[in-house]
Amino acid sequence: MEPMTIDEALVTTRAVRKRLDLARPVPRDVITECLRLALQAPNGSNRQLWHWVVVEDPATRAEMARIYNDAIDTYRPGLGLPPVDWATPANQRMGDSVAYLREHLHEVPVLVVPAITGRLDGASIPDQAHLWGSILPAAWSFMLALRARGLGSVWTTVHLAQEQRMAELLGIPYAEVTQAGLFPVAYTIGTHFKPGTRALSDEVVHFDRW
């Protein structure tokens, strides 16, 4: 894989589900190299409160997949979120992709759960922003590092509807630590990814005021 520019990595690091290579092992040193880069990310007050649970064991991955699938069955979107229009071709493709991952999650070679010390239950907006802002940049850096090495992932969050169950499985101290997602990690089938369809317009960019 040819070295890519920063701009290329930014616009071609996609949510990868169907193109995860389920048969190719992922060496642990590749994961640790990507995490080493991720830990250079900025974080609140430079306290570095992050944690990363990297799961390679097949039996544990299978149980994680069961929790993930149960969470899909029971999840209901919050009232503050706009509904997804599943009638559009793009969203139908995404739905098919999600269904594929659901069926094959247990086969993905490595599952990674990023987390951070602290709980957000009942937290103020500033406290929430501080905590999320201390783990999400590192998680995105991890995905970019994967992309640069021919691997892919997708940032899933649905299992957080059953976060405590996942915490019990992985030994995460639920009362003290917040999980930020679940990343299935594998080499990709092919390395060419196109930029997504995004609109830079006055509807989303506001100068000086909304």
N, C-alpha and C. Protein backbone atom coordinates (compact mmCIF):
# COMPACT_ATOMS: atom_id res chain seq x y z
N MET A 1 0.84 -1.19 0.00
CA MET A 1 0.00 0.00 0.00
C MET A 1 0.88 1.24 0.00
N GLU A 2 0.65 2.12 -0.98
CA GLU A 2 1.45 3.33 -1.09
C GLU A 2 1.17 4.27 0.09
N PRO A 3 2.21 4.98 0.57
CA PRO A 3 1.96 5.97 1.62
C PRO A 3 0.91 6.99 1.17
N MET A 4 0.04 7.37 2.07
CA MET A 4 -1.02 8.31 1.70
C MET A 4 -0.81 9.63 2.42
N THR A 5 -1.32 10.67 1.83
CA THR A 5 -1.24 11.99 2.45
C THR A 5 -2.26 12.07 3.59
N ILE A 6 -2.08 13.08 4.42
CA ILE A 6 -3.04 13.30 5.50
C ILE A 6 -4.43 13.54 4.93
N ASP A 7 -4.51 14.35 3.87
CA ASP A 7 -5.81 14.65 3.28
C ASP A 7 -6.48 13.38 2.77
N GLU A 8 -5.71 12.51 2.13
CA GLU A 8 -6.28 11.27 1.61
C GLU A 8 -6.79 10.39 2.74
N ALA A 9 -6.02 10.30 3.81
CA ALA A 9 -6.46 9.49 4.95
C ALA A 9 -7.75 10.04 5.54
N LEU A 10 -7.85 11.37 5.61
CA LEU A 10 -9.03 11.98 6.21
C LEU A 10 -10.29 11.73 5.39
N VAL A 11 -10.17 11.72 4.06
CA VAL A 11 -11.37 11.60 3.25
C VAL A 11 -11.68 10.16 2.82
N THR A 12 -10.78 9.22 3.10
CA THR A 12 -11.04 7.84 2.69
C THR A 12 -11.09 6.88 3.88
N THR A 13 -11.05 7.39 5.09
CA THR A 13 -11.25 6.53 6.26
C THR A 13 -12.75 6.39 6.47
N ARG A 14 -13.31 5.32 5.92
CA ARG A 14 -14.74 5.11 5.90
C ARG A 14 -15.18 4.13 7.00
N ALA A 15 -16.47 4.07 7.23
CA ALA A 15 -17.04 3.03 8.08
C ALA A 15 -17.01 1.72 7.29
N VAL A 16 -16.20 0.78 7.73
CA VAL A 16 -15.98 -0.46 6.97
C VAL A 16 -16.67 -1.62 7.70
N ARG A 17 -17.57 -2.28 7.00
CA ARG A 17 -18.26 -3.44 7.55
C ARG A 17 -18.11 -4.64 6.61
N LYS A 18 -18.69 -4.53 5.42
CA LYS A 18 -18.67 -5.65 4.48
C LYS A 18 -17.28 -5.96 3.95
N ARG A 19 -16.39 -4.98 3.97
CA ARG A 19 -15.05 -5.18 3.40
C ARG A 19 -14.00 -5.49 4.46
N LEU A 20 -14.42 -5.92 5.64
CA LEU A 20 -13.47 -6.42 6.63
C LEU A 20 -13.08 -7.84 6.26
N ASP A 21 -11.78 -8.11 6.22
CA ASP A 21 -11.28 -9.43 5.87
C ASP A 21 -11.34 -10.31 7.13
N LEU A 22 -12.33 -11.18 7.18
CA LEU A 22 -12.56 -11.98 8.37
C LEU A 22 -11.57 -13.14 8.50
N ALA A 23 -10.87 -13.46 7.43
CA ALA A 23 -9.98 -14.63 7.43
C ALA A 23 -8.52 -14.29 7.73
N ARG A 24 -8.16 -13.03 7.62
CA ARG A 24 -6.76 -12.65 7.77
C ARG A 24 -6.47 -12.20 9.20
N PRO A 25 -5.53 -12.86 9.89
CA PRO A 25 -5.22 -12.45 11.26
C PRO A 25 -4.62 -11.04 11.31
N VAL A 26 -4.84 -10.38 12.44
CA VAL A 26 -4.26 -9.06 12.67
C VAL A 26 -3.20 -9.19 13.76
N PRO A 27 -1.92 -8.99 13.45
CA PRO A 27 -0.88 -9.11 14.47
C PRO A 27 -1.07 -8.11 15.59
N ARG A 28 -0.77 -8.53 16.79
CA ARG A 28 -0.94 -7.65 17.94
C ARG A 28 -0.05 -6.41 17.83
N ASP A 29 1.14 -6.56 17.25
CA ASP A 29 2.03 -5.40 17.19
C ASP A 29 1.47 -4.31 16.27
N VAL A 30 0.65 -4.67 15.29
CA VAL A 30 0.01 -3.66 14.45
C VAL A 30 -1.00 -2.87 15.27
N ILE A 31 -1.77 -3.56 16.10
CA ILE A 31 -2.74 -2.88 16.96
C ILE A 31 -2.03 -1.95 17.94
N THR A 32 -0.96 -2.43 18.56
CA THR A 32 -0.26 -1.60 19.53
C THR A 32 0.41 -0.40 18.87
N GLU A 33 0.88 -0.57 17.64
CA GLU A 33 1.46 0.57 16.92
C GLU A 33 0.39 1.63 16.66
N CYS A 34 -0.79 1.21 16.26
CA CYS A 34 -1.88 2.16 16.01
C CYS A 34 -2.32 2.84 17.31
N LEU A 35 -2.33 2.09 18.40
CA LEU A 35 -2.70 2.69 19.68
C LEU A 35 -1.62 3.67 20.16
N ARG A 36 -0.37 3.35 19.89
CA ARG A 36 0.71 4.26 20.28
C ARG A 36 0.53 5.62 19.59
N LEU A 37 0.12 5.59 18.34
CA LEU A 37 -0.16 6.83 17.62
C LEU A 37 -1.41 7.52 18.18
N ALA A 38 -2.43 6.73 18.48
CA ALA A 38 -3.67 7.30 19.01
C ALA A 38 -3.45 8.03 20.32
N LEU A 39 -2.51 7.55 21.12
CA LEU A 39 -2.28 8.16 22.43
C LEU A 39 -1.55 9.49 22.34
N GLN A 40 -1.23 9.92 21.13
CA GLN A 40 -0.69 11.26 20.95
C GLN A 40 -1.80 12.31 20.81
N ALA A 41 -3.04 11.87 20.81
CA ALA A 41 -4.16 12.79 20.61
C ALA A 41 -4.32 13.76 21.78
N PRO A 42 -4.84 14.95 21.51
CA PRO A 42 -5.13 15.88 22.62
C PRO A 42 -6.24 15.32 23.51
N ASN A 43 -6.20 15.72 24.77
CA ASN A 43 -7.22 15.28 25.72
C ASN A 43 -7.32 16.28 26.85
N GLY A 44 -8.46 16.32 27.51
CA GLY A 44 -8.73 17.34 28.51
C GLY A 44 -7.70 17.39 29.63
N SER A 45 -7.11 18.56 29.82
CA SER A 45 -6.13 18.80 30.89
C SER A 45 -4.94 17.85 30.83
N ASN A 46 -4.76 17.19 29.68
CA ASN A 46 -3.67 16.23 29.48
C ASN A 46 -3.61 15.19 30.60
N ARG A 47 -4.80 14.75 31.04
CA ARG A 47 -4.84 13.77 32.13
C ARG A 47 -4.73 12.34 31.63
N GLN A 48 -4.96 12.12 30.33
CA GLN A 48 -4.79 10.80 29.72
C GLN A 48 -5.54 9.72 30.50
N LEU A 49 -6.85 9.91 30.60
CA LEU A 49 -7.70 9.01 31.37
C LEU A 49 -8.24 7.85 30.54
N TRP A 50 -7.71 7.68 29.34
CA TRP A 50 -8.26 6.67 28.43
C TRP A 50 -7.81 5.25 28.78
N HIS A 51 -8.61 4.31 28.30
CA HIS A 51 -8.30 2.87 28.41
C HIS A 51 -8.75 2.21 27.11
N TRP A 52 -8.10 1.11 26.76
CA TRP A 52 -8.41 0.40 25.52
C TRP A 52 -8.45 -1.10 25.82
N VAL A 53 -9.57 -1.71 25.62
CA VAL A 53 -9.69 -3.15 25.81
C VAL A 53 -9.62 -3.80 24.43
N VAL A 54 -8.55 -4.53 24.18
CA VAL A 54 -8.31 -5.17 22.88
C VAL A 54 -8.61 -6.66 23.03
N VAL A 55 -9.62 -7.13 22.32
CA VAL A 55 -10.08 -8.51 22.51
C VAL A 55 -9.74 -9.35 21.29
N GLU A 56 -8.90 -10.35 21.52
CA GLU A 56 -8.51 -11.29 20.48
C GLU A 56 -9.13 -12.68 20.69
N ASP A 57 -9.48 -13.01 21.91
CA ASP A 57 -9.99 -14.33 22.25
C ASP A 57 -11.32 -14.60 21.55
N PRO A 58 -11.42 -15.69 20.78
CA PRO A 58 -12.65 -15.97 20.01
C PRO A 58 -13.89 -16.12 20.87
N ALA A 59 -13.78 -16.77 22.01
CA ALA A 59 -14.96 -16.97 22.86
C ALA A 59 -15.47 -15.65 23.41
N THR A 60 -14.55 -14.78 23.80
CA THR A 60 -14.97 -13.47 24.31
C THR A 60 -15.58 -12.64 23.19
N ARG A 61 -15.00 -12.70 22.00
CA ARG A 61 -15.57 -11.97 20.86
C ARG A 61 -16.98 -12.46 20.54
N ALA A 62 -17.19 -13.75 20.66
CA ALA A 62 -18.52 -14.30 20.40
C ALA A 62 -19.54 -13.76 21.39
N GLU A 63 -19.15 -13.67 22.66
CA GLU A 63 -20.07 -13.13 23.66
C GLU A 63 -20.29 -11.64 23.45
N MET A 64 -19.25 -10.92 23.05
CA MET A 64 -19.42 -9.50 22.72
C MET A 64 -20.42 -9.32 21.58
N ALA A 65 -20.34 -10.21 20.59
CA ALA A 65 -21.28 -10.14 19.47
C ALA A 65 -22.70 -10.39 19.94
N ARG A 66 -22.88 -11.30 20.89
CA ARG A 66 -24.23 -11.54 21.42
C ARG A 66 -24.78 -10.30 22.11
N ILE A 67 -23.93 -9.63 22.89
CA ILE A 67 -24.37 -8.40 23.56
C ILE A 67 -24.71 -7.34 22.53
N TYR A 68 -23.88 -7.21 21.52
CA TYR A 68 -24.11 -6.24 20.46
C TYR A 68 -25.45 -6.49 19.77
N ASN A 69 -25.71 -7.74 19.43
CA ASN A 69 -26.95 -8.08 18.75
C ASN A 69 -28.17 -7.88 19.65
N ASP A 70 -28.05 -8.23 20.92
CA ASP A 70 -29.15 -7.98 21.85
C ASP A 70 -29.43 -6.48 21.98
N ALA A 71 -28.37 -5.68 21.95
CA ALA A 71 -28.53 -4.23 22.06
C ALA A 71 -29.27 -3.69 20.83
N ILE A 72 -28.96 -4.22 19.65
CA ILE A 72 -29.68 -3.80 18.44
C ILE A 72 -31.17 -4.10 18.58
N ASP A 73 -31.48 -5.26 19.14
CA ASP A 73 -32.88 -5.67 19.27
C ASP A 73 -33.66 -4.78 20.24
N THR A 74 -32.97 -4.23 21.23
CA THR A 74 -33.67 -3.49 22.28
C THR A 74 -33.50 -1.98 22.18
N TYR A 75 -32.57 -1.53 21.31
CA TYR A 75 -32.26 -0.09 21.26
C TYR A 75 -33.41 0.72 20.66
N ARG A 76 -33.67 1.86 21.28
CA ARG A 76 -34.63 2.81 20.75
C ARG A 76 -33.97 4.18 20.71
N PRO A 77 -33.97 4.86 19.55
CA PRO A 77 -33.30 6.16 19.45
C PRO A 77 -33.88 7.17 20.43
N GLY A 78 -33.03 8.06 20.91
CA GLY A 78 -33.47 9.12 21.81
C GLY A 78 -34.40 10.11 21.11
N LEU A 79 -35.21 10.78 21.89
CA LEU A 79 -36.18 11.71 21.33
C LEU A 79 -35.52 12.91 20.65
N GLY A 80 -34.26 13.21 21.02
CA GLY A 80 -33.61 14.38 20.46
C GLY A 80 -32.98 14.16 19.09
N LEU A 81 -32.99 12.92 18.60
CA LEU A 81 -32.33 12.63 17.33
C LEU A 81 -33.34 12.65 16.18
N PRO A 82 -32.98 13.25 15.05
CA PRO A 82 -33.87 13.19 13.88
C PRO A 82 -33.94 11.77 13.36
N PRO A 83 -35.09 11.34 12.85
CA PRO A 83 -35.23 9.96 12.36
C PRO A 83 -34.39 9.73 11.12
N VAL A 84 -33.96 8.49 10.93
CA VAL A 84 -33.22 8.10 9.73
C VAL A 84 -34.22 7.75 8.63
N ASP A 85 -34.01 8.29 7.44
CA ASP A 85 -34.85 7.98 6.30
C ASP A 85 -34.32 6.73 5.61
N TRP A 86 -34.86 5.57 5.95
CA TRP A 86 -34.35 4.31 5.43
C TRP A 86 -34.80 4.05 3.99
N ALA A 87 -35.58 4.97 3.42
CA ALA A 87 -36.04 4.79 2.05
C ALA A 87 -35.00 5.21 1.02
N THR A 88 -34.00 5.98 1.43
CA THR A 88 -33.00 6.44 0.47
C THR A 88 -32.05 5.30 0.12
N PRO A 89 -31.55 5.27 -1.12
CA PRO A 89 -30.61 4.20 -1.51
C PRO A 89 -29.38 4.13 -0.61
N ALA A 90 -28.84 5.29 -0.24
CA ALA A 90 -27.63 5.30 0.59
C ALA A 90 -27.90 4.67 1.95
N ASN A 91 -29.04 5.01 2.56
CA ASN A 91 -29.35 4.45 3.87
C ASN A 91 -29.75 2.98 3.78
N GLN A 92 -30.32 2.57 2.66
CA GLN A 92 -30.59 1.15 2.47
C GLN A 92 -29.30 0.35 2.39
N ARG A 93 -28.31 0.92 1.69
CA ARG A 93 -26.99 0.25 1.63
C ARG A 93 -26.38 0.18 3.03
N MET A 94 -26.53 1.27 3.79
CA MET A 94 -25.99 1.25 5.15
C MET A 94 -26.70 0.20 5.99
N GLY A 95 -28.01 0.08 5.83
CA GLY A 95 -28.75 -0.93 6.58
C GLY A 95 -28.30 -2.34 6.25
N ASP A 96 -28.04 -2.59 4.97
CA ASP A 96 -27.52 -3.90 4.57
C ASP A 96 -26.15 -4.14 5.19
N SER A 97 -25.34 -3.08 5.23
CA SER A 97 -24.00 -3.19 5.80
C SER A 97 -24.06 -3.49 7.29
N VAL A 98 -24.97 -2.81 7.99
CA VAL A 98 -25.15 -3.05 9.43
C VAL A 98 -25.60 -4.49 9.68
N ALA A 99 -26.53 -4.97 8.85
CA ALA A 99 -27.01 -6.34 8.99
C ALA A 99 -25.88 -7.35 8.77
N TYR A 100 -24.99 -7.05 7.82
CA TYR A 100 -23.85 -7.92 7.57
C TYR A 100 -22.93 -7.98 8.79
N LEU A 101 -22.63 -6.81 9.35
CA LEU A 101 -21.75 -6.79 10.51
C LEU A 101 -22.38 -7.53 11.68
N ARG A 102 -23.67 -7.35 11.85
CA ARG A 102 -24.36 -8.05 12.93
C ARG A 102 -24.18 -9.56 12.80
N GLU A 103 -24.26 -10.07 11.60
CA GLU A 103 -24.14 -11.50 11.37
C GLU A 103 -22.72 -12.01 11.54
N HIS A 104 -21.73 -11.13 11.30
CA HIS A 104 -20.33 -11.59 11.25
C HIS A 104 -19.43 -10.97 12.33
N LEU A 105 -19.99 -10.20 13.24
CA LEU A 105 -19.13 -9.50 14.22
C LEU A 105 -18.23 -10.47 14.98
N HIS A 106 -18.74 -11.63 15.33
CA HIS A 106 -17.95 -12.58 16.10
C HIS A 106 -16.75 -13.12 15.32
N GLU A 107 -16.77 -12.95 13.99
CA GLU A 107 -15.68 -13.44 13.15
C GLU A 107 -14.57 -12.41 12.94
N VAL A 108 -14.81 -11.17 13.30
CA VAL A 108 -13.80 -10.13 13.10
C VAL A 108 -12.60 -10.44 14.00
N PRO A 109 -11.39 -10.38 13.48
CA PRO A 109 -10.21 -10.84 14.24
C PRO A 109 -9.97 -10.13 15.57
N VAL A 110 -10.24 -8.83 15.62
CA VAL A 110 -9.97 -8.06 16.84
C VAL A 110 -11.13 -7.11 17.09
N LEU A 111 -11.58 -7.04 18.34
CA LEU A 111 -12.57 -6.05 18.74
C LEU A 111 -11.94 -5.15 19.79
N VAL A 112 -12.10 -3.84 19.61
CA VAL A 112 -11.47 -2.87 20.51
C VAL A 112 -12.56 -1.99 21.13
N VAL A 113 -12.50 -1.86 22.45
CA VAL A 113 -13.43 -0.99 23.17
C VAL A 113 -12.64 0.15 23.80
N PRO A 114 -12.79 1.38 23.29
CA PRO A 114 -12.17 2.53 23.94
C PRO A 114 -13.03 2.99 25.11
N ALA A 115 -12.39 3.42 26.16
CA ALA A 115 -13.12 3.86 27.35
C ALA A 115 -12.34 4.96 28.05
N ILE A 116 -13.00 5.61 29.00
CA ILE A 116 -12.34 6.69 29.72
C ILE A 116 -12.81 6.72 31.17
N THR A 117 -11.90 7.01 32.07
CA THR A 117 -12.24 7.07 33.49
C THR A 117 -13.23 8.21 33.74
N GLY A 118 -14.29 7.89 34.45
CA GLY A 118 -15.34 8.86 34.75
C GLY A 118 -16.68 8.38 34.22
N ARG A 119 -17.77 8.79 34.87
CA ARG A 119 -19.11 8.43 34.43
C ARG A 119 -19.86 9.70 34.02
N LEU A 120 -20.73 9.56 33.02
CA LEU A 120 -21.47 10.70 32.48
C LEU A 120 -22.93 10.69 32.89
N ASP A 121 -23.34 9.71 33.68
CA ASP A 121 -24.73 9.64 34.10
C ASP A 121 -25.11 10.91 34.87
N GLY A 122 -26.02 11.71 34.31
CA GLY A 122 -26.45 12.93 34.97
C GLY A 122 -25.45 14.06 34.93
N ALA A 123 -24.39 13.92 34.14
CA ALA A 123 -23.35 14.96 34.09
C ALA A 123 -23.84 16.19 33.34
N SER A 124 -23.26 17.34 33.66
CA SER A 124 -23.58 18.58 32.96
C SER A 124 -23.03 18.54 31.54
N ILE A 125 -23.53 19.43 30.70
CA ILE A 125 -23.03 19.49 29.32
C ILE A 125 -21.52 19.78 29.30
N PRO A 126 -21.01 20.74 30.08
CA PRO A 126 -19.55 20.96 30.07
C PRO A 126 -18.75 19.72 30.50
N ASP A 127 -19.25 19.02 31.51
CA ASP A 127 -18.54 17.82 31.96
C ASP A 127 -18.59 16.72 30.90
N GLN A 128 -19.74 16.60 30.23
CA GLN A 128 -19.84 15.62 29.15
C GLN A 128 -18.87 15.95 28.02
N ALA A 129 -18.84 17.22 27.64
CA ALA A 129 -17.95 17.64 26.55
C ALA A 129 -16.49 17.38 26.92
N HIS A 130 -16.14 17.64 28.17
CA HIS A 130 -14.76 17.43 28.62
C HIS A 130 -14.37 15.95 28.50
N LEU A 131 -15.28 15.08 28.93
CA LEU A 131 -14.94 13.66 28.93
C LEU A 131 -14.92 13.10 27.52
N TRP A 132 -15.96 13.39 26.72
CA TRP A 132 -15.96 12.89 25.35
C TRP A 132 -14.80 13.47 24.56
N GLY A 133 -14.51 14.74 24.79
CA GLY A 133 -13.40 15.38 24.09
C GLY A 133 -12.04 14.84 24.48
N SER A 134 -12.01 14.00 25.52
CA SER A 134 -10.75 13.42 25.96
C SER A 134 -10.53 12.00 25.44
N ILE A 135 -11.54 11.40 24.80
CA ILE A 135 -11.38 10.06 24.26
C ILE A 135 -11.65 10.00 22.76
N LEU A 136 -12.59 10.83 22.26
CA LEU A 136 -12.96 10.72 20.85
C LEU A 136 -11.84 11.10 19.89
N PRO A 137 -11.03 12.14 20.15
CA PRO A 137 -9.92 12.40 19.23
C PRO A 137 -8.95 11.22 19.13
N ALA A 138 -8.69 10.57 20.24
CA ALA A 138 -7.77 9.43 20.22
C ALA A 138 -8.39 8.26 19.45
N ALA A 139 -9.70 8.05 19.61
CA ALA A 139 -10.36 6.97 18.89
C ALA A 139 -10.31 7.21 17.39
N TRP A 140 -10.52 8.45 16.96
CA TRP A 140 -10.44 8.78 15.54
C TRP A 140 -9.01 8.63 15.03
N SER A 141 -8.04 9.04 15.82
CA SER A 141 -6.64 8.84 15.42
C SER A 141 -6.34 7.36 15.25
N PHE A 142 -6.91 6.52 16.10
CA PHE A 142 -6.74 5.07 15.98
C PHE A 142 -7.27 4.59 14.64
N MET A 143 -8.44 5.08 14.23
CA MET A 143 -9.01 4.67 12.96
C MET A 143 -8.16 5.14 11.78
N LEU A 144 -7.62 6.35 11.87
CA LEU A 144 -6.74 6.85 10.81
C LEU A 144 -5.47 6.02 10.72
N ALA A 145 -4.92 5.64 11.87
CA ALA A 145 -3.71 4.82 11.87
C ALA A 145 -3.99 3.45 11.25
N LEU A 146 -5.15 2.89 11.54
CA LEU A 146 -5.53 1.63 10.91
C LEU A 146 -5.58 1.78 9.40
N ARG A 147 -6.24 2.83 8.95
CA ARG A 147 -6.40 3.07 7.51
C ARG A 147 -5.05 3.15 6.80
N ALA A 148 -4.09 3.82 7.42
CA ALA A 148 -2.78 4.00 6.82
C ALA A 148 -2.02 2.68 6.69
N ARG A 149 -2.48 1.65 7.40
CA ARG A 149 -1.80 0.35 7.38
C ARG A 149 -2.61 -0.73 6.68
N GLY A 150 -3.65 -0.32 5.96
CA GLY A 150 -4.44 -1.28 5.21
C GLY A 150 -5.50 -1.99 6.01
N LEU A 151 -5.82 -1.45 7.19
CA LEU A 151 -6.88 -2.02 8.01
C LEU A 151 -8.07 -1.06 8.03
N GLY A 152 -9.19 -1.56 8.51
CA GLY A 152 -10.38 -0.73 8.60
C GLY A 152 -11.18 -1.06 9.84
N SER A 153 -12.17 -0.23 10.08
CA SER A 153 -13.04 -0.43 11.23
C SER A 153 -14.31 0.38 11.02
N VAL A 154 -15.18 0.32 11.98
CA VAL A 154 -16.37 1.18 12.00
C VAL A 154 -16.64 1.51 13.46
N TRP A 155 -17.00 2.75 13.69
CA TRP A 155 -17.26 3.21 15.05
C TRP A 155 -18.69 2.84 15.41
N THR A 156 -18.89 1.78 16.17
CA THR A 156 -20.23 1.38 16.59
C THR A 156 -20.47 1.80 18.04
N THR A 157 -21.71 2.13 18.34
CA THR A 157 -22.06 2.56 19.71
C THR A 157 -23.29 1.85 20.25
N VAL A 158 -23.94 1.03 19.44
CA VAL A 158 -25.24 0.48 19.85
C VAL A 158 -25.12 -0.38 21.10
N HIS A 159 -23.97 -1.02 21.32
CA HIS A 159 -23.87 -1.89 22.50
C HIS A 159 -23.93 -1.10 23.80
N LEU A 160 -23.75 0.22 23.72
CA LEU A 160 -23.79 1.03 24.93
C LEU A 160 -25.18 1.02 25.57
N ALA A 161 -26.19 0.58 24.82
CA ALA A 161 -27.50 0.36 25.43
C ALA A 161 -27.44 -0.76 26.46
N GLN A 162 -26.41 -1.60 26.37
CA GLN A 162 -26.16 -2.65 27.35
C GLN A 162 -24.71 -2.56 27.84
N GLU A 163 -24.30 -1.34 28.13
CA GLU A 163 -22.91 -1.08 28.52
C GLU A 163 -22.49 -1.87 29.74
N GLN A 164 -23.36 -1.97 30.73
CA GLN A 164 -22.98 -2.65 31.96
C GLN A 164 -22.71 -4.14 31.70
N ARG A 165 -23.49 -4.73 30.84
CA ARG A 165 -23.28 -6.14 30.51
C ARG A 165 -21.93 -6.34 29.84
N MET A 166 -21.56 -5.42 28.93
CA MET A 166 -20.25 -5.51 28.29
C MET A 166 -19.15 -5.28 29.32
N ALA A 167 -19.38 -4.36 30.23
CA ALA A 167 -18.38 -4.09 31.28
C ALA A 167 -18.13 -5.34 32.12
N GLU A 168 -19.19 -6.04 32.47
CA GLU A 168 -19.05 -7.24 33.28
C GLU A 168 -18.27 -8.32 32.53
N LEU A 169 -18.54 -8.45 31.23
CA LEU A 169 -17.83 -9.44 30.42
C LEU A 169 -16.34 -9.14 30.36
N LEU A 170 -15.98 -7.87 30.18
CA LEU A 170 -14.59 -7.49 29.94
C LEU A 170 -13.86 -7.05 31.20
N GLY A 171 -14.54 -7.07 32.33
CA GLY A 171 -13.89 -6.66 33.58
C GLY A 171 -13.69 -5.17 33.70
N ILE A 172 -14.45 -4.39 32.96
CA ILE A 172 -14.36 -2.93 33.04
C ILE A 172 -15.12 -2.46 34.28
N PRO A 173 -14.52 -1.65 35.15
CA PRO A 173 -15.23 -1.16 36.34
C PRO A 173 -16.33 -0.16 35.95
N TYR A 174 -17.54 -0.67 35.80
CA TYR A 174 -18.64 0.11 35.25
C TYR A 174 -18.93 1.38 36.04
N ALA A 175 -18.80 1.33 37.35
CA ALA A 175 -19.12 2.49 38.19
C ALA A 175 -18.12 3.63 38.02
N GLU A 176 -16.98 3.34 37.41
CA GLU A 176 -15.92 4.33 37.34
C GLU A 176 -15.49 4.68 35.91
N VAL A 177 -15.88 3.88 34.94
CA VAL A 177 -15.35 4.02 33.58
C VAL A 177 -16.50 4.03 32.58
N THR A 178 -16.42 4.92 31.57
CA THR A 178 -17.42 5.02 30.51
C THR A 178 -16.83 4.47 29.21
N GLN A 179 -17.56 3.56 28.58
CA GLN A 179 -17.16 3.05 27.28
C GLN A 179 -17.59 4.04 26.19
N ALA A 180 -16.78 4.16 25.15
CA ALA A 180 -17.06 5.13 24.09
C ALA A 180 -17.47 4.48 22.78
N GLY A 181 -17.41 3.16 22.69
CA GLY A 181 -17.79 2.51 21.44
C GLY A 181 -17.23 1.11 21.38
N LEU A 182 -17.37 0.52 20.21
CA LEU A 182 -16.85 -0.81 19.93
C LEU A 182 -16.35 -0.81 18.49
N PHE A 183 -15.06 -1.10 18.30
CA PHE A 183 -14.44 -1.05 16.98
C PHE A 183 -14.08 -2.46 16.52
N PRO A 184 -14.75 -2.98 15.49
CA PRO A 184 -14.28 -4.21 14.87
C PRO A 184 -13.08 -3.88 13.97
N VAL A 185 -11.98 -4.58 14.13
CA VAL A 185 -10.74 -4.25 13.43
C VAL A 185 -10.27 -5.44 12.59
N ALA A 186 -10.00 -5.17 11.31
CA ALA A 186 -9.49 -6.21 10.41
C ALA A 186 -8.79 -5.54 9.24
N TYR A 187 -7.98 -6.31 8.54
CA TYR A 187 -7.49 -5.84 7.25
C TYR A 187 -8.70 -5.68 6.32
N THR A 188 -8.59 -4.77 5.37
CA THR A 188 -9.70 -4.56 4.46
C THR A 188 -9.52 -5.37 3.19
N ILE A 189 -10.64 -5.71 2.57
CA ILE A 189 -10.63 -6.37 1.27
C ILE A 189 -10.47 -5.27 0.22
N GLY A 190 -9.25 -5.14 -0.29
CA GLY A 190 -8.92 -4.00 -1.13
C GLY A 190 -8.61 -2.80 -0.25
N THR A 191 -7.84 -1.88 -0.78
CA THR A 191 -7.45 -0.70 0.02
C THR A 191 -7.95 0.61 -0.58
N HIS A 192 -8.65 0.53 -1.71
CA HIS A 192 -9.16 1.77 -2.32
C HIS A 192 -10.55 2.09 -1.77
N PHE A 193 -10.66 3.27 -1.17
CA PHE A 193 -11.95 3.76 -0.67
C PHE A 193 -12.17 5.16 -1.20
N LYS A 194 -13.39 5.44 -1.61
CA LYS A 194 -13.71 6.76 -2.15
C LYS A 194 -14.17 7.69 -1.03
N PRO A 195 -13.99 9.00 -1.22
CA PRO A 195 -14.56 9.95 -0.26
C PRO A 195 -16.07 9.79 -0.18
N GLY A 196 -16.63 10.08 0.98
CA GLY A 196 -18.07 10.02 1.14
C GLY A 196 -18.74 11.22 0.50
N THR A 197 -20.04 11.10 0.34
CA THR A 197 -20.83 12.21 -0.21
C THR A 197 -21.17 13.16 0.93
N ARG A 198 -20.57 14.31 0.90
CA ARG A 198 -20.78 15.30 1.95
C ARG A 198 -21.04 16.66 1.31
N ALA A 199 -21.88 17.45 1.95
CA ALA A 199 -22.24 18.76 1.38
C ALA A 199 -21.67 19.87 2.26
N LEU A 200 -20.82 20.70 1.66
CA LEU A 200 -20.33 21.89 2.33
C LEU A 200 -21.21 23.04 1.87
N SER A 201 -22.15 23.46 2.70
CA SER A 201 -23.13 24.45 2.29
C SER A 201 -23.50 25.35 3.46
N ASP A 202 -24.29 26.36 3.15
CA ASP A 202 -24.75 27.28 4.19
C ASP A 202 -25.67 26.58 5.19
N GLU A 203 -26.18 25.41 4.83
CA GLU A 203 -27.05 24.69 5.76
C GLU A 203 -26.27 24.10 6.93
N VAL A 204 -24.98 23.85 6.72
CA VAL A 204 -24.20 23.22 7.79
C VAL A 204 -23.05 24.09 8.28
N VAL A 205 -22.65 25.07 7.50
CA VAL A 205 -21.54 25.95 7.89
C VAL A 205 -22.10 27.35 8.13
N HIS A 206 -21.83 27.89 9.31
CA HIS A 206 -22.38 29.18 9.68
C HIS A 206 -21.23 30.11 10.09
N PHE A 207 -21.04 31.19 9.38
CA PHE A 207 -20.00 32.16 9.72
C PHE A 207 -20.61 33.28 10.56
N ASP A 208 -19.94 33.57 11.66
CA ASP A 208 -20.30 34.65 12.58
C ASP A 208 -21.53 34.36 13.41
N ARG A 209 -22.58 33.75 12.84
CA ARG A 209 -23.74 33.36 13.65
C ARG A 209 -24.56 32.35 12.85
N TRP A 210 -25.48 31.66 13.53
CA TRP A 210 -26.31 30.65 12.89
C TRP A 210 -27.21 31.31 11.84
